[in-house]
Amino acid sequence: MFYGEFEHAIDEKGRLSIPSRLRSPLRDAVIDQFVITRGFEKCLYMFAPNDWHRVEKQFRALPITKTKSRAFLRMFFSGASLVDCDKQGRVLVPKNLLDHAGIEKDVMIVGVSSRIEIWNKKDWKDYFENTKQQYAEMAEQLIDFDPTESNNGEI
């Protein structure tokens, strides 16, 4: 649903304009709210409600008897905030989340299939440069994909 990289800026009120190419599927699905929370690698995650509910259901299954599960759930859910998308396609990003990701003005908005990630622009560029050399290796380790196999017309 969400794909691409986009350079944007947070305005003086803490609002972020969602790029029009990311808004198109949202209009079709009549999505006007998001959940934004702390992501990993010092970024923010932004989910449409249906995707958020799937993530929440999966994470709620973690055992509360485990110390690491409790700590993770606290960090992930305590930062979560439901935000509205205005008619101009802007969302107000809470200050505590901007602080978590080190975002002051310039950002990269990155579509990662079921979520949008919001990065400090410099941090994204550094992350990308440090990770791109491992791209093929990660694919080899994580994905069992044979492009010669038939996919019955599916991507």
C-alpha atoms as a PDB file:
ATOM      1  CA  MET A   1       0.000   0.000   0.000  1.00  0.00           C
ATOM      2  CA  PHE A   2       2.784   2.506   0.868  1.00  0.00           C
ATOM      3  CA  TYR A   3       5.869   2.709  -1.348  1.00  0.00           C
ATOM      4  CA  GLY A   4       8.631   5.204  -2.074  1.00  0.00           C
ATOM      5  CA  GLU A   5      10.872   7.810  -0.446  1.00  0.00           C
ATOM      6  CA  PHE A   6       9.861  11.442  -0.138  1.00  0.00           C
ATOM      7  CA  GLU A   7      11.656  14.492   1.241  1.00  0.00           C
ATOM      8  CA  HIS A   8       9.408  16.756   3.289  1.00  0.00           C
ATOM      9  CA  ALA A   9       9.530  19.097   6.262  1.00  0.00           C
ATOM     10  CA  ILE A  10       7.699  19.419   9.555  1.00  0.00           C
ATOM     11  CA  ASP A  11       6.106  22.857   9.802  1.00  0.00           C
ATOM     12  CA  GLU A  12       6.412  25.157  12.830  1.00  0.00           C
ATOM     13  CA  LYS A  13       3.233  23.660  14.336  1.00  0.00           C
ATOM     14  CA  GLY A  14       4.560  20.084  14.139  1.00  0.00           C
ATOM     15  CA  ARG A  15       2.462  19.100  11.135  1.00  0.00           C
ATOM     16  CA  LEU A  16       3.663  16.751   8.452  1.00  0.00           C
ATOM     17  CA  SER A  17       2.194  16.774   4.970  1.00  0.00           C
ATOM     18  CA  ILE A  18       1.722  13.257   3.624  1.00  0.00           C
ATOM     19  CA  PRO A  19       2.955  13.052   0.015  1.00  0.00           C
ATOM     20  CA  SER A  20       0.140  12.884  -2.544  1.00  0.00           C
ATOM     21  CA  ARG A  21       1.355   9.533  -3.914  1.00  0.00           C
ATOM     22  CA  LEU A  22       0.897   8.034  -0.442  1.00  0.00           C
ATOM     23  CA  ARG A  23      -2.492   9.718   0.015  1.00  0.00           C
ATOM     24  CA  SER A  24      -4.075   8.187  -3.107  1.00  0.00           C
ATOM     25  CA  PRO A  25      -4.687   4.729  -1.601  1.00  0.00           C
ATOM     26  CA  LEU A  26      -5.900   6.434   1.573  1.00  0.00           C
ATOM     27  CA  ARG A  27      -8.575   8.395  -0.263  1.00  0.00           C
ATOM     28  CA  ASP A  28      -9.797   5.221  -1.949  1.00  0.00           C
ATOM     29  CA  ALA A  29     -10.055   3.466   1.426  1.00  0.00           C
ATOM     30  CA  VAL A  30     -11.505   6.575   3.144  1.00  0.00           C
ATOM     31  CA  ILE A  31      -8.701   6.665   5.715  1.00  0.00           C
ATOM     32  CA  ASP A  32      -8.438   9.944   7.588  1.00  0.00           C
ATOM     33  CA  GLN A  33      -6.713   8.813  10.798  1.00  0.00           C
ATOM     34  CA  PHE A  34      -3.410   7.160  11.615  1.00  0.00           C
ATOM     35  CA  VAL A  35      -1.622   5.742  14.597  1.00  0.00           C
ATOM     36  CA  ILE A  36       1.923   7.043  14.990  1.00  0.00           C
ATOM     37  CA  THR A  37       4.322   5.419  17.428  1.00  0.00           C
ATOM     38  CA  ARG A  38       8.000   4.887  18.155  1.00  0.00           C
ATOM     39  CA  GLY A  39       9.693   2.812  15.511  1.00  0.00           C
ATOM     40  CA  PHE A  40      13.021   1.105  15.533  1.00  0.00           C
ATOM     41  CA  GLU A  41      16.310   2.564  14.270  1.00  0.00           C
ATOM     42  CA  LYS A  42      15.264   5.994  15.600  1.00  0.00           C
ATOM     43  CA  CYS A  43      12.288   6.590  13.328  1.00  0.00           C
ATOM     44  CA  LEU A  44       8.523   6.783  13.701  1.00  0.00           C
ATOM     45  CA  TYR A  45       5.985   4.278  12.419  1.00  0.00           C
ATOM     46  CA  MET A  46       2.672   5.475  11.042  1.00  0.00           C
ATOM     47  CA  PHE A  47      -0.103   2.943  10.472  1.00  0.00           C
ATOM     48  CA  ALA A  48      -3.551   3.124   8.915  1.00  0.00           C
ATOM     49  CA  PRO A  49      -6.128   1.833  11.436  1.00  0.00           C
ATOM     50  CA  ASN A  50      -6.583  -1.637   9.901  1.00  0.00           C
ATOM     51  CA  ASP A  51      -2.837  -2.253   9.773  1.00  0.00           C
ATOM     52  CA  TRP A  52      -2.457  -0.937  13.326  1.00  0.00           C
ATOM     53  CA  HIS A  53      -5.083  -3.401  14.562  1.00  0.00           C
ATOM     54  CA  ARG A  54      -3.194  -6.305  12.970  1.00  0.00           C
ATOM     55  CA  VAL A  55       0.074  -5.209  14.605  1.00  0.00           C
ATOM     56  CA  GLU A  56      -1.633  -4.636  17.934  1.00  0.00           C
ATOM     57  CA  LYS A  57      -3.242  -8.087  17.858  1.00  0.00           C
ATOM     58  CA  GLN A  58       0.106  -9.732  17.119  1.00  0.00           C
ATOM     59  CA  PHE A  59       1.945  -7.821  19.846  1.00  0.00           C
ATOM     60  CA  ARG A  60      -0.799  -8.361  22.429  1.00  0.00           C
ATOM     61  CA  ALA A  61      -0.061 -12.075  22.138  1.00  0.00           C
ATOM     62  CA  LEU A  62       3.377 -11.516  23.717  1.00  0.00           C
ATOM     63  CA  PRO A  63       3.530 -13.031  27.212  1.00  0.00           C
ATOM     64  CA  ILE A  64       3.277 -10.454  29.990  1.00  0.00           C
ATOM     65  CA  THR A  65       5.159 -12.858  32.246  1.00  0.00           C
ATOM     66  CA  LYS A  66       8.368 -12.065  30.336  1.00  0.00           C
ATOM     67  CA  THR A  67      10.300  -8.956  31.360  1.00  0.00           C
ATOM     68  CA  LYS A  68      11.379  -8.120  27.790  1.00  0.00           C
ATOM     69  CA  SER A  69       7.822  -8.471  26.499  1.00  0.00           C
ATOM     70  CA  ARG A  70       6.517  -6.031  29.103  1.00  0.00           C
ATOM     71  CA  ALA A  71       9.301  -3.546  28.395  1.00  0.00           C
ATOM     72  CA  PHE A  72       8.767  -3.749  24.634  1.00  0.00           C
ATOM     73  CA  LEU A  73       4.987  -3.355  24.934  1.00  0.00           C
ATOM     74  CA  ARG A  74       5.406  -0.321  27.205  1.00  0.00           C
ATOM     75  CA  MET A  75       7.777   1.393  24.789  1.00  0.00           C
ATOM     76  CA  PHE A  76       5.751   0.608  21.691  1.00  0.00           C
ATOM     77  CA  PHE A  77       2.240   1.341  22.957  1.00  0.00           C
ATOM     78  CA  SER A  78       2.960   4.212  25.359  1.00  0.00           C
ATOM     79  CA  GLY A  79       4.223   6.248  22.427  1.00  0.00           C
ATOM     80  CA  ALA A  80       1.214   5.476  20.237  1.00  0.00           C
ATOM     81  CA  SER A  81      -0.985   8.394  19.282  1.00  0.00           C
ATOM     82  CA  LEU A  82      -4.099   8.517  17.123  1.00  0.00           C
ATOM     83  CA  VAL A  83      -3.829  11.475  14.739  1.00  0.00           C
ATOM     84  CA  ASP A  84      -6.268  12.951  12.243  1.00  0.00           C
ATOM     85  CA  CYS A  85      -5.372  13.721   8.653  1.00  0.00           C
ATOM     86  CA  ASP A  86      -6.747  17.127   7.643  1.00  0.00           C
ATOM     87  CA  LYS A  87      -8.120  18.043   4.207  1.00  0.00           C
ATOM     88  CA  GLN A  88      -4.638  19.162   3.091  1.00  0.00           C
ATOM     89  CA  GLY A  89      -3.209  15.732   3.931  1.00  0.00           C
ATOM     90  CA  ARG A  90      -1.372  16.876   7.059  1.00  0.00           C
ATOM     91  CA  VAL A  91      -1.008  15.103  10.390  1.00  0.00           C
ATOM     92  CA  LEU A  92       0.082  16.675  13.663  1.00  0.00           C
ATOM     93  CA  VAL A  93       3.014  14.641  14.981  1.00  0.00           C
ATOM     94  CA  PRO A  94       3.229  14.742  18.786  1.00  0.00           C
ATOM     95  CA  LYS A  95       6.326  16.471  20.140  1.00  0.00           C
ATOM     96  CA  ASN A  96       7.421  13.484  22.240  1.00  0.00           C
ATOM     97  CA  LEU A  97       7.576  11.379  19.060  1.00  0.00           C
ATOM     98  CA  LEU A  98       9.451  14.058  17.123  1.00  0.00           C
ATOM     99  CA  ASP A  99      11.948  14.170  20.002  1.00  0.00           C
ATOM    100  CA  HIS A 100      12.279  10.363  20.010  1.00  0.00           C
ATOM    101  CA  ALA A 101      13.232  10.361  16.326  1.00  0.00           C
ATOM    102  CA  GLY A 102      15.420  13.472  16.547  1.00  0.00           C
ATOM    103  CA  ILE A 103      13.189  15.284  14.065  1.00  0.00           C
ATOM    104  CA  GLU A 104      13.227  19.056  13.986  1.00  0.00           C
ATOM    105  CA  LYS A 105      12.395  20.023  10.401  1.00  0.00           C
ATOM    106  CA  ASP A 106      13.675  18.036   7.413  1.00  0.00           C
ATOM    107  CA  VAL A 107      12.308  14.505   7.160  1.00  0.00           C
ATOM    108  CA  MET A 108      12.228  11.520   4.872  1.00  0.00           C
ATOM    109  CA  ILE A 109       8.895   9.785   4.546  1.00  0.00           C
ATOM    110  CA  VAL A 110       9.448   6.174   3.589  1.00  0.00           C
ATOM    111  CA  GLY A 111       6.699   3.821   2.429  1.00  0.00           C
ATOM    112  CA  VAL A 112       7.295   0.316   3.784  1.00  0.00           C
ATOM    113  CA  SER A 113       4.287  -1.652   2.491  1.00  0.00           C
ATOM    114  CA  SER A 114       1.865  -1.650   5.454  1.00  0.00           C
ATOM    115  CA  ARG A 115       3.355   1.354   7.248  1.00  0.00           C
ATOM    116  CA  ILE A 116       4.935   4.727   6.676  1.00  0.00           C
ATOM    117  CA  GLU A 117       8.209   5.504   8.402  1.00  0.00           C
ATOM    118  CA  ILE A 118       9.161   9.064   9.305  1.00  0.00           C
ATOM    119  CA  TRP A 119      12.892   9.728   9.658  1.00  0.00           C
ATOM    120  CA  ASN A 120      15.136  12.655  10.390  1.00  0.00           C
ATOM    121  CA  LYS A 121      16.519  13.271   6.887  1.00  0.00           C
ATOM    122  CA  LYS A 122      20.176  12.908   7.887  1.00  0.00           C
ATOM    123  CA  ASP A 123      19.493   9.748   9.903  1.00  0.00           C
ATOM    124  CA  TRP A 124      17.704   8.159   6.910  1.00  0.00           C
ATOM    125  CA  LYS A 125      20.582   8.983   4.568  1.00  0.00           C
ATOM    126  CA  ASP A 126      23.083   7.519   7.062  1.00  0.00           C
ATOM    127  CA  TYR A 127      20.950   4.411   7.607  1.00  0.00           C
ATOM    128  CA  PHE A 128      20.513   3.889   3.878  1.00  0.00           C
ATOM    129  CA  GLU A 129      24.234   4.272   3.160  1.00  0.00           C
ATOM    130  CA  ASN A 130      25.155   1.867   5.962  1.00  0.00           C
ATOM    131  CA  THR A 131      22.564  -0.730   4.955  1.00  0.00           C
ATOM    132  CA  LYS A 132      22.542  -0.745   1.160  1.00  0.00           C
ATOM    133  CA  GLN A 133      25.672  -2.922   0.936  1.00  0.00           C
ATOM    134  CA  GLN A 134      23.857  -5.640   2.882  1.00  0.00           C
ATOM    135  CA  TYR A 135      20.690  -5.549   0.737  1.00  0.00           C
ATOM    136  CA  ALA A 136      21.415  -8.640  -1.370  1.00  0.00           C
ATOM    137  CA  GLU A 137      22.746 -10.569   1.628  1.00  0.00           C
ATOM    138  CA  MET A 138      19.610  -9.799   3.653  1.00  0.00           C
ATOM    139  CA  ALA A 139      17.416 -10.970   0.783  1.00  0.00           C
ATOM    140  CA  GLU A 140      19.379 -14.212   0.521  1.00  0.00           C
ATOM    141  CA  GLN A 141      19.015 -14.888   4.245  1.00  0.00           C
ATOM    142  CA  LEU A 142      15.384 -13.863   4.640  1.00  0.00           C
ATOM    143  CA  ILE A 143      13.584 -14.664   1.404  1.00  0.00           C
ATOM    144  CA  ASP A 144      13.066 -17.908  -0.426  1.00  0.00           C
ATOM    145  CA  PHE A 145      12.248 -16.495  -3.850  1.00  0.00           C
ATOM    146  CA  ASP A 146      12.685 -18.013  -7.271  1.00  0.00           C
ATOM    147  CA  PRO A 147      11.708 -15.551 -10.007  1.00  0.00           C
ATOM    148  CA  THR A 148      11.431 -18.405 -12.511  1.00  0.00           C
ATOM    149  CA  GLU A 149       8.587 -20.058 -10.597  1.00  0.00           C
ATOM    150  CA  SER A 150       5.050 -19.342 -11.742  1.00  0.00           C
ATOM    151  CA  ASN A 151       3.152 -16.977  -9.513  1.00  0.00           C
ATOM    152  CA  ASN A 152      -0.252 -17.463 -11.136  1.00  0.00           C
ATOM    153  CA  GLY A 153      -0.336 -13.837 -12.259  1.00  0.00           C
ATOM    154  CA  GLU A 154       0.335 -12.440  -8.787  1.00  0.00           C
ATOM    155  CA  ILE A 155       3.186 -10.165  -7.883  1.00  0.00           C
END
